[in-house]
Amino acid sequence: MADLLVRGVDERLIKALEREAAAHGRSAEAEHLAIIEDALHRLENRQFIRLLMSMPDVGEDADFERIDDTGEAPVVFD
C-alpha cells in the first residue's frame, strides 16, 4: 500500500477531522481514508450518471420488451 501525505492543512480542518473520526469510532487515518473513498465513489457515480444521461431517447420501454420469450436462444444457423 502507498502512503499519502498532505501538507499545509489548516488546523481547523484537522480538528474537524478528528471530531468526525471520534464520532465514527475510528482513527483519524481511517477517517481520512473513508472520506477519500467516499469522494471518489461519488465521482464515479456522477460519471456513470452523465453517461446514462448522454444516451439518446430512442423510444419507450415497451419498444424494447421481449415478445414470446421462451428463454432459449434463437436458432441463427441451420
N, C-alpha and C. Protein backbone atom coordinates (compact mmCIF):
# COMPACT_ATOMS: atom_id res chain seq x y z
N MET A 1 0.84 -1.18 0.00
CA MET A 1 0.00 0.00 0.00
C MET A 1 0.89 1.24 0.00
N ALA A 2 0.40 2.27 -0.65
CA ALA A 2 1.13 3.53 -0.71
C ALA A 2 0.69 4.43 0.44
N ASP A 3 1.52 5.41 0.73
CA ASP A 3 1.20 6.41 1.74
C ASP A 3 0.84 7.71 1.04
N LEU A 4 0.02 8.51 1.70
CA LEU A 4 -0.39 9.80 1.18
C LEU A 4 -0.11 10.84 2.25
N LEU A 5 0.64 11.86 1.90
CA LEU A 5 0.98 12.93 2.83
C LEU A 5 0.41 14.23 2.30
N VAL A 6 -0.34 14.91 3.13
CA VAL A 6 -0.93 16.19 2.74
C VAL A 6 -0.32 17.26 3.64
N ARG A 7 0.31 18.24 3.03
CA ARG A 7 0.97 19.30 3.80
C ARG A 7 0.11 20.56 3.82
N GLY A 8 0.31 21.37 4.82
CA GLY A 8 -0.32 22.68 4.87
C GLY A 8 -1.80 22.65 5.15
N VAL A 9 -2.28 21.66 5.88
CA VAL A 9 -3.70 21.56 6.17
C VAL A 9 -4.02 22.49 7.34
N ASP A 10 -5.06 23.28 7.17
CA ASP A 10 -5.48 24.23 8.21
C ASP A 10 -5.83 23.48 9.50
N GLU A 11 -5.41 24.04 10.62
CA GLU A 11 -5.65 23.41 11.92
C GLU A 11 -7.14 23.17 12.19
N ARG A 12 -8.00 24.05 11.70
CA ARG A 12 -9.45 23.86 11.87
C ARG A 12 -9.92 22.59 11.18
N LEU A 13 -9.37 22.32 10.00
CA LEU A 13 -9.74 21.09 9.30
C LEU A 13 -9.26 19.86 10.05
N ILE A 14 -8.06 19.93 10.60
CA ILE A 14 -7.53 18.81 11.38
C ILE A 14 -8.43 18.51 12.57
N LYS A 15 -8.82 19.55 13.29
CA LYS A 15 -9.70 19.37 14.47
C LYS A 15 -11.06 18.80 14.05
N ALA A 16 -11.61 19.30 12.95
CA ALA A 16 -12.90 18.81 12.47
C ALA A 16 -12.79 17.34 12.07
N LEU A 17 -11.69 16.99 11.44
CA LEU A 17 -11.46 15.61 11.04
C LEU A 17 -11.34 14.70 12.25
N GLU A 18 -10.65 15.15 13.26
CA GLU A 18 -10.51 14.38 14.49
C GLU A 18 -11.87 14.20 15.17
N ARG A 19 -12.70 15.22 15.16
CA ARG A 19 -14.04 15.10 15.74
C ARG A 19 -14.88 14.09 14.97
N GLU A 20 -14.82 14.15 13.65
CA GLU A 20 -15.56 13.20 12.82
C GLU A 20 -15.08 11.78 13.06
N ALA A 21 -13.77 11.61 13.17
CA ALA A 21 -13.21 10.28 13.43
C ALA A 21 -13.72 9.74 14.75
N ALA A 22 -13.71 10.58 15.77
CA ALA A 22 -14.20 10.15 17.09
C ALA A 22 -15.69 9.82 17.03
N ALA A 23 -16.45 10.61 16.30
CA ALA A 23 -17.89 10.37 16.18
C ALA A 23 -18.19 9.05 15.49
N HIS A 24 -17.30 8.63 14.58
CA HIS A 24 -17.49 7.38 13.85
C HIS A 24 -16.74 6.22 14.50
N GLY A 25 -16.07 6.49 15.62
CA GLY A 25 -15.36 5.44 16.34
C GLY A 25 -14.18 4.86 15.60
N ARG A 26 -13.47 5.70 14.88
CA ARG A 26 -12.30 5.21 14.17
C ARG A 26 -11.14 6.20 14.30
N SER A 27 -9.98 5.77 13.88
CA SER A 27 -8.80 6.63 13.95
C SER A 27 -8.90 7.75 12.93
N ALA A 28 -8.08 8.78 13.12
CA ALA A 28 -8.05 9.88 12.16
C ALA A 28 -7.63 9.36 10.79
N GLU A 29 -6.68 8.43 10.77
CA GLU A 29 -6.23 7.86 9.50
C GLU A 29 -7.36 7.11 8.80
N ALA A 30 -8.12 6.32 9.55
CA ALA A 30 -9.24 5.60 8.97
C ALA A 30 -10.31 6.57 8.48
N GLU A 31 -10.51 7.66 9.20
CA GLU A 31 -11.48 8.68 8.77
C GLU A 31 -11.03 9.34 7.47
N HIS A 32 -9.75 9.64 7.38
CA HIS A 32 -9.20 10.25 6.15
C HIS A 32 -9.47 9.33 4.97
N LEU A 33 -9.18 8.05 5.15
CA LEU A 33 -9.37 7.08 4.06
C LEU A 33 -10.84 6.97 3.68
N ALA A 34 -11.73 6.94 4.67
CA ALA A 34 -13.16 6.85 4.40
C ALA A 34 -13.65 8.06 3.61
N ILE A 35 -13.17 9.23 3.94
CA ILE A 35 -13.56 10.45 3.24
C ILE A 35 -13.08 10.41 1.79
N ILE A 36 -11.86 9.99 1.58
CA ILE A 36 -11.31 9.90 0.22
C ILE A 36 -12.09 8.87 -0.60
N GLU A 37 -12.34 7.70 -0.02
CA GLU A 37 -13.09 6.67 -0.73
C GLU A 37 -14.49 7.15 -1.09
N ASP A 38 -15.15 7.81 -0.16
CA ASP A 38 -16.50 8.33 -0.40
C ASP A 38 -16.49 9.36 -1.53
N ALA A 39 -15.52 10.26 -1.51
CA ALA A 39 -15.44 11.29 -2.54
C ALA A 39 -15.20 10.67 -3.91
N LEU A 40 -14.33 9.69 -4.00
CA LEU A 40 -14.06 9.05 -5.28
C LEU A 40 -15.24 8.22 -5.76
N HIS A 41 -15.93 7.57 -4.84
CA HIS A 41 -17.13 6.80 -5.20
C HIS A 41 -18.20 7.73 -5.77
N ARG A 42 -18.39 8.88 -5.15
CA ARG A 42 -19.37 9.84 -5.66
C ARG A 42 -18.97 10.33 -7.05
N LEU A 43 -17.69 10.56 -7.26
CA LEU A 43 -17.21 11.00 -8.58
C LEU A 43 -17.51 9.94 -9.63
N GLU A 44 -17.24 8.67 -9.31
CA GLU A 44 -17.53 7.58 -10.26
C GLU A 44 -19.02 7.54 -10.58
N ASN A 45 -19.86 7.69 -9.56
CA ASN A 45 -21.31 7.66 -9.77
C ASN A 45 -21.75 8.81 -10.67
N ARG A 46 -21.19 10.00 -10.46
CA ARG A 46 -21.57 11.14 -11.30
C ARG A 46 -21.18 10.89 -12.76
N GLN A 47 -20.02 10.27 -12.96
CA GLN A 47 -19.60 9.99 -14.33
C GLN A 47 -20.54 8.97 -14.98
N PHE A 48 -20.98 7.97 -14.23
CA PHE A 48 -21.91 6.98 -14.76
C PHE A 48 -23.25 7.63 -15.08
N ILE A 49 -23.71 8.51 -14.19
CA ILE A 49 -24.97 9.22 -14.43
C ILE A 49 -24.85 10.08 -15.69
N ARG A 50 -23.73 10.76 -15.87
CA ARG A 50 -23.53 11.56 -17.08
C ARG A 50 -23.60 10.69 -18.32
N LEU A 51 -23.00 9.50 -18.24
CA LEU A 51 -23.04 8.58 -19.37
C LEU A 51 -24.48 8.19 -19.69
N LEU A 52 -25.24 7.83 -18.67
CA LEU A 52 -26.64 7.47 -18.89
C LEU A 52 -27.43 8.63 -19.48
N MET A 53 -27.20 9.82 -18.97
CA MET A 53 -27.93 10.99 -19.45
C MET A 53 -27.54 11.36 -20.88
N SER A 54 -26.36 10.94 -21.32
CA SER A 54 -25.92 11.28 -22.68
C SER A 54 -26.52 10.35 -23.73
N MET A 55 -27.14 9.25 -23.29
CA MET A 55 -27.73 8.32 -24.25
C MET A 55 -28.98 8.94 -24.87
N PRO A 56 -29.13 8.78 -26.17
CA PRO A 56 -30.30 9.39 -26.83
C PRO A 56 -31.59 8.70 -26.44
N ASP A 57 -32.67 9.44 -26.47
CA ASP A 57 -34.00 8.90 -26.20
C ASP A 57 -34.48 8.26 -27.50
N VAL A 58 -34.45 6.92 -27.54
CA VAL A 58 -34.76 6.23 -28.80
C VAL A 58 -36.08 5.49 -28.77
N GLY A 59 -36.88 5.68 -27.75
CA GLY A 59 -38.17 5.02 -27.73
C GLY A 59 -38.67 4.81 -26.31
N GLU A 60 -39.81 4.16 -26.24
CA GLU A 60 -40.43 3.85 -24.96
C GLU A 60 -39.94 2.49 -24.47
N ASP A 61 -40.05 2.25 -23.18
CA ASP A 61 -39.64 0.96 -22.63
C ASP A 61 -40.36 -0.19 -23.33
N ALA A 62 -41.63 0.00 -23.65
CA ALA A 62 -42.41 -1.06 -24.31
C ALA A 62 -41.81 -1.43 -25.66
N ASP A 63 -41.12 -0.53 -26.31
CA ASP A 63 -40.50 -0.81 -27.60
C ASP A 63 -39.42 -1.88 -27.49
N PHE A 64 -38.91 -2.08 -26.29
CA PHE A 64 -37.79 -3.00 -26.10
C PHE A 64 -38.17 -4.26 -25.34
N GLU A 65 -39.46 -4.48 -25.13
CA GLU A 65 -39.92 -5.67 -24.43
C GLU A 65 -39.76 -6.89 -25.32
N ARG A 66 -39.45 -8.01 -24.68
CA ARG A 66 -39.34 -9.26 -25.43
C ARG A 66 -40.73 -9.81 -25.68
N ILE A 67 -40.91 -10.38 -26.84
CA ILE A 67 -42.20 -10.97 -27.20
C ILE A 67 -42.02 -12.48 -27.27
N ASP A 68 -42.91 -13.21 -26.60
CA ASP A 68 -42.88 -14.68 -26.61
C ASP A 68 -41.48 -15.21 -26.31
N ASP A 69 -40.91 -14.77 -25.22
CA ASP A 69 -39.58 -15.21 -24.83
C ASP A 69 -39.67 -16.59 -24.20
N THR A 70 -39.09 -17.58 -24.87
CA THR A 70 -39.11 -18.95 -24.35
C THR A 70 -37.94 -19.21 -23.41
N GLY A 71 -37.01 -18.27 -23.34
CA GLY A 71 -35.84 -18.44 -22.50
C GLY A 71 -34.70 -19.13 -23.22
N GLU A 72 -34.97 -19.60 -24.44
CA GLU A 72 -33.93 -20.28 -25.23
C GLU A 72 -33.38 -19.33 -26.28
N ALA A 73 -32.15 -19.53 -26.60
CA ALA A 73 -31.52 -18.72 -27.63
C ALA A 73 -32.11 -19.08 -28.99
N PRO A 74 -32.34 -18.11 -29.84
CA PRO A 74 -32.90 -18.43 -31.16
C PRO A 74 -31.88 -19.17 -32.03
N VAL A 75 -32.40 -19.98 -32.92
CA VAL A 75 -31.53 -20.69 -33.87
C VAL A 75 -31.17 -19.71 -34.98
N VAL A 76 -29.92 -19.44 -35.11
CA VAL A 76 -29.46 -18.48 -36.11
C VAL A 76 -28.90 -19.22 -37.34
N PHE A 77 -28.15 -20.31 -37.10
CA PHE A 77 -27.55 -21.06 -38.20
C PHE A 77 -28.15 -22.45 -38.22
N ASP A 78 -28.59 -22.90 -39.37
CA ASP A 78 -29.13 -24.26 -39.50
C ASP A 78 -28.07 -25.21 -39.92
